Amino acid sequence: MDLVVRQHENERSRVVVIGRRIDDGTQCTVVASHERTGHWAIYPHGWGKFGVRLPQAEALTVAQAIIAAHQ
């Protein structure tokens, strides 16, 4: 699977990971893009498909919950 995606001008950084869809178990790419506005754009089915933009505080809530579950 090709994970190289050209950086967009409004991005600070990005993380790309491979996951599995819940509905059918097929492999998919999850892209989290940190935008210059401070928001995080999450694309759970790969770049350019349906995404969710989270304000920084909401993104931190998600991140902290994930980390807390593994401590």
PDB file of N, CA and C in Angstrom:
ATOM      1  N   MET A   1       0.859  -1.187   0.000  1.00  0.00           N
ATOM      2  CA  MET A   1       0.000   0.000   0.000  1.00  0.00           C
ATOM      3  C   MET A   1       0.893   1.234   0.000  1.00  0.00           C
ATOM      4  N   ASP A   2       0.620   2.165  -0.871  1.00  0.00           N
ATOM      5  CA  ASP A   2       1.415   3.383  -0.993  1.00  0.00           C
ATOM      6  C   ASP A   2       0.932   4.414   0.013  1.00  0.00           C
ATOM      7  N   LEU A   3       1.808   4.812   0.950  1.00  0.00           N
ATOM      8  CA  LEU A   3       1.437   5.762   1.985  1.00  0.00           C
ATOM      9  C   LEU A   3       1.941   7.170   1.697  1.00  0.00           C
ATOM     10  N   VAL A   4       2.577   7.390   0.560  1.00  0.00           N
ATOM     11  CA  VAL A   4       3.113   8.699   0.236  1.00  0.00           C
ATOM     12  C   VAL A   4       1.997   9.577  -0.324  1.00  0.00           C
ATOM     13  N   VAL A   5       1.764  10.680   0.355  1.00  0.00           N
ATOM     14  CA  VAL A   5       0.772  11.651  -0.079  1.00  0.00           C
ATOM     15  C   VAL A   5       1.436  13.018   0.001  1.00  0.00           C
ATOM     16  N   ARG A   6       1.296  13.811  -1.037  1.00  0.00           N
ATOM     17  CA  ARG A   6       1.904  15.140  -1.063  1.00  0.00           C
ATOM     18  C   ARG A   6       1.349  15.989   0.081  1.00  0.00           C
ATOM     19  N   GLN A   7       2.226  16.669   0.816  1.00  0.00           N
ATOM     20  CA  GLN A   7       1.797  17.516   1.917  1.00  0.00           C
ATOM     21  C   GLN A   7       1.034  18.716   1.377  1.00  0.00           C
ATOM     22  N   HIS A   8      -0.065  19.028   2.012  1.00  0.00           N
ATOM     23  CA  HIS A   8      -0.875  20.176   1.618  1.00  0.00           C
ATOM     24  C   HIS A   8      -0.341  21.429   2.298  1.00  0.00           C
ATOM     25  N   GLU A   9      -0.555  22.577   1.694  1.00  0.00           N
ATOM     26  CA  GLU A   9       0.038  23.818   2.206  1.00  0.00           C
ATOM     27  C   GLU A   9      -0.489  24.221   3.574  1.00  0.00           C
ATOM     28  N   ASN A  10      -1.666  23.733   3.977  1.00  0.00           N
ATOM     29  CA  ASN A  10      -2.206  24.108   5.284  1.00  0.00           C
ATOM     30  C   ASN A  10      -1.806  23.118   6.385  1.00  0.00           C
ATOM     31  N   GLU A  11      -0.908  22.184   6.087  1.00  0.00           N
ATOM     32  CA  GLU A  11      -0.507  21.175   7.069  1.00  0.00           C
ATOM     33  C   GLU A  11       0.758  21.566   7.821  1.00  0.00           C
ATOM     34  N   ARG A  12       0.757  21.283   9.109  1.00  0.00           N
ATOM     35  CA  ARG A  12       1.984  21.360   9.909  1.00  0.00           C
ATOM     36  C   ARG A  12       2.704  20.028   9.848  1.00  0.00           C
ATOM     37  N   SER A  13       1.933  18.968  10.040  1.00  0.00           N
ATOM     38  CA  SER A  13       2.497  17.620  10.045  1.00  0.00           C
ATOM     39  C   SER A  13       1.380  16.622   9.791  1.00  0.00           C
ATOM     40  N   ARG A  14       1.782  15.362   9.688  1.00  0.00           N
ATOM     41  CA  ARG A  14       0.802  14.320   9.404  1.00  0.00           C
ATOM     42  C   ARG A  14       1.316  12.990   9.935  1.00  0.00           C
ATOM     43  N   VAL A  15       0.390  12.131  10.319  1.00  0.00           N
ATOM     44  CA  VAL A  15       0.733  10.756  10.672  1.00  0.00           C
ATOM     45  C   VAL A  15      -0.185   9.849   9.859  1.00  0.00           C
ATOM     46  N   VAL A  16       0.392   8.769   9.332  1.00  0.00           N
ATOM     47  CA  VAL A  16      -0.353   7.811   8.525  1.00  0.00           C
ATOM     48  C   VAL A  16      -0.128   6.435   9.132  1.00  0.00           C
ATOM     49  N   VAL A  17      -1.223   5.727   9.405  1.00  0.00           N
ATOM     50  CA  VAL A  17      -1.135   4.382   9.970  1.00  0.00           C
ATOM     51  C   VAL A  17      -2.073   3.447   9.199  1.00  0.00           C
ATOM     52  N   ILE A  18      -1.815   2.171   9.343  1.00  0.00           N
ATOM     53  CA  ILE A  18      -2.645   1.153   8.702  1.00  0.00           C
ATOM     54  C   ILE A  18      -3.526   0.528   9.774  1.00  0.00           C
ATOM     55  N   GLY A  19      -4.802   0.409   9.458  1.00  0.00           N
ATOM     56  CA  GLY A  19      -5.753  -0.224  10.371  1.00  0.00           C
ATOM     57  C   GLY A  19      -6.603  -1.230   9.623  1.00  0.00           C
ATOM     58  N   ARG A  20      -7.629  -1.703  10.286  1.00  0.00           N
ATOM     59  CA  ARG A  20      -8.586  -2.629   9.682  1.00  0.00           C
ATOM     60  C   ARG A  20      -9.984  -2.083   9.884  1.00  0.00           C
ATOM     61  N   ARG A  21     -10.764  -2.145   8.837  1.00  0.00           N
ATOM     62  CA  ARG A  21     -12.160  -1.690   8.925  1.00  0.00           C
ATOM     63  C   ARG A  21     -12.931  -2.587   9.876  1.00  0.00           C
ATOM     64  N   ILE A  22     -13.835  -2.005  10.630  1.00  0.00           N
ATOM     65  CA  ILE A  22     -14.652  -2.767  11.572  1.00  0.00           C
ATOM     66  C   ILE A  22     -15.688  -3.604  10.845  1.00  0.00           C
ATOM     67  N   ASP A  23     -16.236  -3.079   9.762  1.00  0.00           N
ATOM     68  CA  ASP A  23     -17.338  -3.773   9.091  1.00  0.00           C
ATOM     69  C   ASP A  23     -16.915  -5.032   8.348  1.00  0.00           C
ATOM     70  N   ASP A  24     -15.749  -5.011   7.689  1.00  0.00           N
ATOM     71  CA  ASP A  24     -15.373  -6.184   6.908  1.00  0.00           C
ATOM     72  C   ASP A  24     -13.934  -6.664   7.127  1.00  0.00           C
ATOM     73  N   GLY A  25     -13.177  -5.978   7.975  1.00  0.00           N
ATOM     74  CA  GLY A  25     -11.827  -6.405   8.314  1.00  0.00           C
ATOM     75  C   GLY A  25     -10.769  -6.118   7.272  1.00  0.00           C
ATOM     76  N   THR A  26     -11.137  -5.446   6.185  1.00  0.00           N
ATOM     77  CA  THR A  26     -10.137  -5.139   5.171  1.00  0.00           C
ATOM     78  C   THR A  26      -9.198  -4.047   5.665  1.00  0.00           C
ATOM     79  N   GLN A  27      -7.992  -4.064   5.124  1.00  0.00           N
ATOM     80  CA  GLN A  27      -6.975  -3.082   5.501  1.00  0.00           C
ATOM     81  C   GLN A  27      -7.341  -1.710   4.957  1.00  0.00           C
ATOM     82  N   CYS A  28      -7.067  -0.677   5.755  1.00  0.00           N
ATOM     83  CA  CYS A  28      -7.311   0.684   5.301  1.00  0.00           C
ATOM     84  C   CYS A  28      -6.260   1.617   5.907  1.00  0.00           C
ATOM     85  N   THR A  29      -6.113   2.766   5.283  1.00  0.00           N
ATOM     86  CA  THR A  29      -5.170   3.774   5.732  1.00  0.00           C
ATOM     87  C   THR A  29      -5.913   4.827   6.543  1.00  0.00           C
ATOM     88  N   VAL A  30      -5.346   5.217   7.685  1.00  0.00           N
ATOM     89  CA  VAL A  30      -5.896   6.298   8.496  1.00  0.00           C
ATOM     90  C   VAL A  30      -4.883   7.436   8.463  1.00  0.00           C
ATOM     91  N   VAL A  31      -5.348   8.620   8.084  1.00  0.00           N
ATOM     92  CA  VAL A  31      -4.485   9.787   7.994  1.00  0.00           C
ATOM     93  C   VAL A  31      -4.944  10.813   9.019  1.00  0.00           C
ATOM     94  N   ALA A  32      -4.013  11.316   9.834  1.00  0.00           N
ATOM     95  CA  ALA A  32      -4.294  12.405  10.773  1.00  0.00           C
ATOM     96  C   ALA A  32      -3.376  13.559  10.399  1.00  0.00           C
ATOM     97  N   SER A  33      -3.971  14.668   9.997  1.00  0.00           N
ATOM     98  CA  SER A  33      -3.229  15.823   9.518  1.00  0.00           C
ATOM     99  C   SER A  33      -3.370  16.976  10.511  1.00  0.00           C
ATOM    100  N   HIS A  34      -2.239  17.460  11.028  1.00  0.00           N
ATOM    101  CA  HIS A  34      -2.251  18.615  11.931  1.00  0.00           C
ATOM    102  C   HIS A  34      -2.194  19.866  11.073  1.00  0.00           C
ATOM    103  N   GLU A  35      -3.263  20.630  11.067  1.00  0.00           N
ATOM    104  CA  GLU A  35      -3.370  21.792  10.203  1.00  0.00           C
ATOM    105  C   GLU A  35      -2.773  23.031  10.864  1.00  0.00           C
ATOM    106  N   ARG A  36      -2.397  23.982  10.067  1.00  0.00           N
ATOM    107  CA  ARG A  36      -1.806  25.226  10.576  1.00  0.00           C
ATOM    108  C   ARG A  36      -2.772  26.001  11.471  1.00  0.00           C
ATOM    109  N   THR A  37      -4.053  25.742  11.345  1.00  0.00           N
ATOM    110  CA  THR A  37      -5.061  26.396  12.192  1.00  0.00           C
ATOM    111  C   THR A  37      -5.062  25.834  13.609  1.00  0.00           C
ATOM    112  N   GLY A  38      -4.358  24.699  13.815  1.00  0.00           N
ATOM    113  CA  GLY A  38      -4.369  24.026  15.109  1.00  0.00           C
ATOM    114  C   GLY A  38      -5.330  22.849  15.141  1.00  0.00           C
ATOM    115  N   HIS A  39      -6.250  22.784  14.190  1.00  0.00           N
ATOM    116  CA  HIS A  39      -7.170  21.656  14.109  1.00  0.00           C
ATOM    117  C   HIS A  39      -6.440  20.402  13.635  1.00  0.00           C
ATOM    118  N   TRP A  40      -7.062  19.261  13.895  1.00  0.00           N
ATOM    119  CA  TRP A  40      -6.600  17.987  13.356  1.00  0.00           C
ATOM    120  C   TRP A  40      -7.672  17.482  12.409  1.00  0.00           C
ATOM    121  N   ALA A  41      -7.283  17.101  11.213  1.00  0.00           N
ATOM    122  CA  ALA A  41      -8.197  16.502  10.247  1.00  0.00           C
ATOM    123  C   ALA A  41      -7.900  15.001  10.225  1.00  0.00           C
ATOM    124  N   ILE A  42      -8.909  14.205  10.521  1.00  0.00           N
ATOM    125  CA  ILE A  42      -8.764  12.755  10.583  1.00  0.00           C
ATOM    126  C   ILE A  42      -9.516  12.156   9.397  1.00  0.00           C
ATOM    127  N   TYR A  43      -8.806  11.368   8.600  1.00  0.00           N
ATOM    128  CA  TYR A  43      -9.395  10.688   7.448  1.00  0.00           C
ATOM    129  C   TYR A  43      -9.328   9.195   7.721  1.00  0.00           C
ATOM    130  N   PRO A  44     -10.405   8.597   8.258  1.00  0.00           N
ATOM    131  CA  PRO A  44     -10.350   7.199   8.679  1.00  0.00           C
ATOM    132  C   PRO A  44     -10.340   6.190   7.534  1.00  0.00           C
ATOM    133  N   HIS A  45     -10.576   6.619   6.316  1.00  0.00           N
ATOM    134  CA  HIS A  45     -10.582   5.686   5.184  1.00  0.00           C
ATOM    135  C   HIS A  45      -9.614   6.123   4.104  1.00  0.00           C
ATOM    136  N   GLY A  46      -8.606   6.888   4.478  1.00  0.00           N
ATOM    137  CA  GLY A  46      -7.604   7.339   3.520  1.00  0.00           C
ATOM    138  C   GLY A  46      -7.810   8.782   3.106  1.00  0.00           C
ATOM    139  N   TRP A  47      -6.766   9.350   2.575  1.00  0.00           N
ATOM    140  CA  TRP A  47      -6.751  10.758   2.181  1.00  0.00           C
ATOM    141  C   TRP A  47      -7.780  11.026   1.100  1.00  0.00           C
ATOM    142  N   GLY A  48      -8.474  12.143   1.233  1.00  0.00           N
ATOM    143  CA  GLY A  48      -9.400  12.568   0.200  1.00  0.00           C
ATOM    144  C   GLY A  48     -10.788  11.984   0.322  1.00  0.00           C
ATOM    145  N   LYS A  49     -10.980  11.075   1.250  1.00  0.00           N
ATOM    146  CA  LYS A  49     -12.308  10.514   1.478  1.00  0.00           C
ATOM    147  C   LYS A  49     -12.913  11.227   2.679  1.00  0.00           C
ATOM    148  N   PHE A  50     -14.070  10.791   3.117  1.00  0.00           N
ATOM    149  CA  PHE A  50     -14.758  11.422   4.241  1.00  0.00           C
ATOM    150  C   PHE A  50     -13.805  11.633   5.407  1.00  0.00           C
ATOM    151  N   GLY A  51     -13.789  12.832   5.951  1.00  0.00           N
ATOM    152  CA  GLY A  51     -12.911  13.150   7.069  1.00  0.00           C
ATOM    153  C   GLY A  51     -13.649  13.900   8.161  1.00  0.00           C
ATOM    154  N   VAL A  52     -12.976  14.045   9.288  1.00  0.00           N
ATOM    155  CA  VAL A  52     -13.528  14.763  10.441  1.00  0.00           C
ATOM    156  C   VAL A  52     -12.476  15.769  10.902  1.00  0.00           C
ATOM    157  N   ARG A  53     -12.868  17.017  11.080  1.00  0.00           N
ATOM    158  CA  ARG A  53     -11.943  18.046  11.562  1.00  0.00           C
ATOM    159  C   ARG A  53     -12.233  18.260  13.053  1.00  0.00           C
ATOM    160  N   LEU A  54     -11.208  18.085  13.870  1.00  0.00           N
ATOM    161  CA  LEU A  54     -11.340  18.246  15.318  1.00  0.00           C
ATOM    162  C   LEU A  54     -10.584  19.483  15.780  1.00  0.00           C
ATOM    163  N   PRO A  55     -11.218  20.311  16.623  1.00  0.00           N
ATOM    164  CA  PRO A  55     -10.459  21.389  17.262  1.00  0.00           C
ATOM    165  C   PRO A  55      -9.358  20.762  18.124  1.00  0.00           C
ATOM    166  N   GLN A  56      -8.321  21.519  18.397  1.00  0.00           N
ATOM    167  CA  GLN A  56      -7.180  20.994  19.139  1.00  0.00           C
ATOM    168  C   GLN A  56      -7.596  20.363  20.471  1.00  0.00           C
ATOM    169  N   ALA A  57      -8.500  20.986  21.207  1.00  0.00           N
ATOM    170  CA  ALA A  57      -8.921  20.445  22.509  1.00  0.00           C
ATOM    171  C   ALA A  57      -9.572  19.074  22.364  1.00  0.00           C
ATOM    172  N   GLU A  58     -10.368  18.883  21.320  1.00  0.00           N
ATOM    173  CA  GLU A  58     -11.031  17.591  21.102  1.00  0.00           C
ATOM    174  C   GLU A  58     -10.011  16.531  20.675  1.00  0.00           C
ATOM    175  N   ALA A  59      -9.043  16.926  19.846  1.00  0.00           N
ATOM    176  CA  ALA A  59      -7.997  15.996  19.436  1.00  0.00           C
ATOM    177  C   ALA A  59      -7.185  15.545  20.650  1.00  0.00           C
ATOM    178  N   LEU A  60      -6.901  16.474  21.556  1.00  0.00           N
ATOM    179  CA  LEU A  60      -6.177  16.121  22.779  1.00  0.00           C
ATOM    180  C   LEU A  60      -6.988  15.175  23.655  1.00  0.00           C
ATOM    181  N   THR A  61      -8.283  15.370  23.725  1.00  0.00           N
ATOM    182  CA  THR A  61      -9.148  14.467  24.489  1.00  0.00           C
ATOM    183  C   THR A  61      -9.044  13.045  23.960  1.00  0.00           C
ATOM    184  N   VAL A  62      -9.098  12.886  22.643  1.00  0.00           N
ATOM    185  CA  VAL A  62      -8.974  11.563  22.020  1.00  0.00           C
ATOM    186  C   VAL A  62      -7.601  10.965  22.311  1.00  0.00           C
ATOM    187  N   ALA A  63      -6.550  11.727  22.101  1.00  0.00           N
ATOM    188  CA  ALA A  63      -5.194  11.254  22.322  1.00  0.00           C
ATOM    189  C   ALA A  63      -4.969  10.836  23.780  1.00  0.00           C
ATOM    190  N   GLN A  64      -5.438  11.639  24.712  1.00  0.00           N
ATOM    191  CA  GLN A  64      -5.266  11.333  26.138  1.00  0.00           C
ATOM    192  C   GLN A  64      -6.033  10.084  26.528  1.00  0.00           C
ATOM    193  N   ALA A  65      -7.211   9.873  25.962  1.00  0.00           N
ATOM    194  CA  ALA A  65      -7.979   8.670  26.260  1.00  0.00           C
ATOM    195  C   ALA A  65      -7.258   7.422  25.755  1.00  0.00           C
ATOM    196  N   ILE A  66      -6.663   7.494  24.567  1.00  0.00           N
ATOM    197  CA  ILE A  66      -5.921   6.366  24.021  1.00  0.00           C
ATOM    198  C   ILE A  66      -4.707   6.066  24.893  1.00  0.00           C
ATOM    199  N   ILE A  67      -3.962   7.087  25.266  1.00  0.00           N
ATOM    200  CA  ILE A  67      -2.777   6.887  26.102  1.00  0.00           C
ATOM    201  C   ILE A  67      -3.159   6.349  27.480  1.00  0.00           C
ATOM    202  N   ALA A  68      -4.195   6.898  28.082  1.00  0.00           N
ATOM    203  CA  ALA A  68      -4.617   6.458  29.423  1.00  0.00           C
ATOM    204  C   ALA A  68      -5.024   4.989  29.431  1.00  0.00           C
ATOM    205  N   ALA A  69      -5.597   4.517  28.367  1.00  0.00           N
ATOM    206  CA  ALA A  69      -6.035   3.122  28.294  1.00  0.00           C
ATOM    207  C   ALA A  69      -4.862   2.155  28.251  1.00  0.00           C
ATOM    208  N   HIS A  70      -3.664   2.659  27.975  1.00  0.00           N
ATOM    209  CA  HIS A  70      -2.493   1.787  27.835  1.00  0.00           C
ATOM    210  C   HIS A  70      -1.458   2.028  28.926  1.00  0.00           C
ATOM    211  N   GLN A  71      -1.844   2.684  30.001  1.00  0.00           N
ATOM    212  CA  GLN A  71      -0.901   2.920  31.100  1.00  0.00           C
ATOM    213  C   GLN A  71      -1.219   2.037  32.270  1.00  0.00           C
TER     214      GLN A  71
END
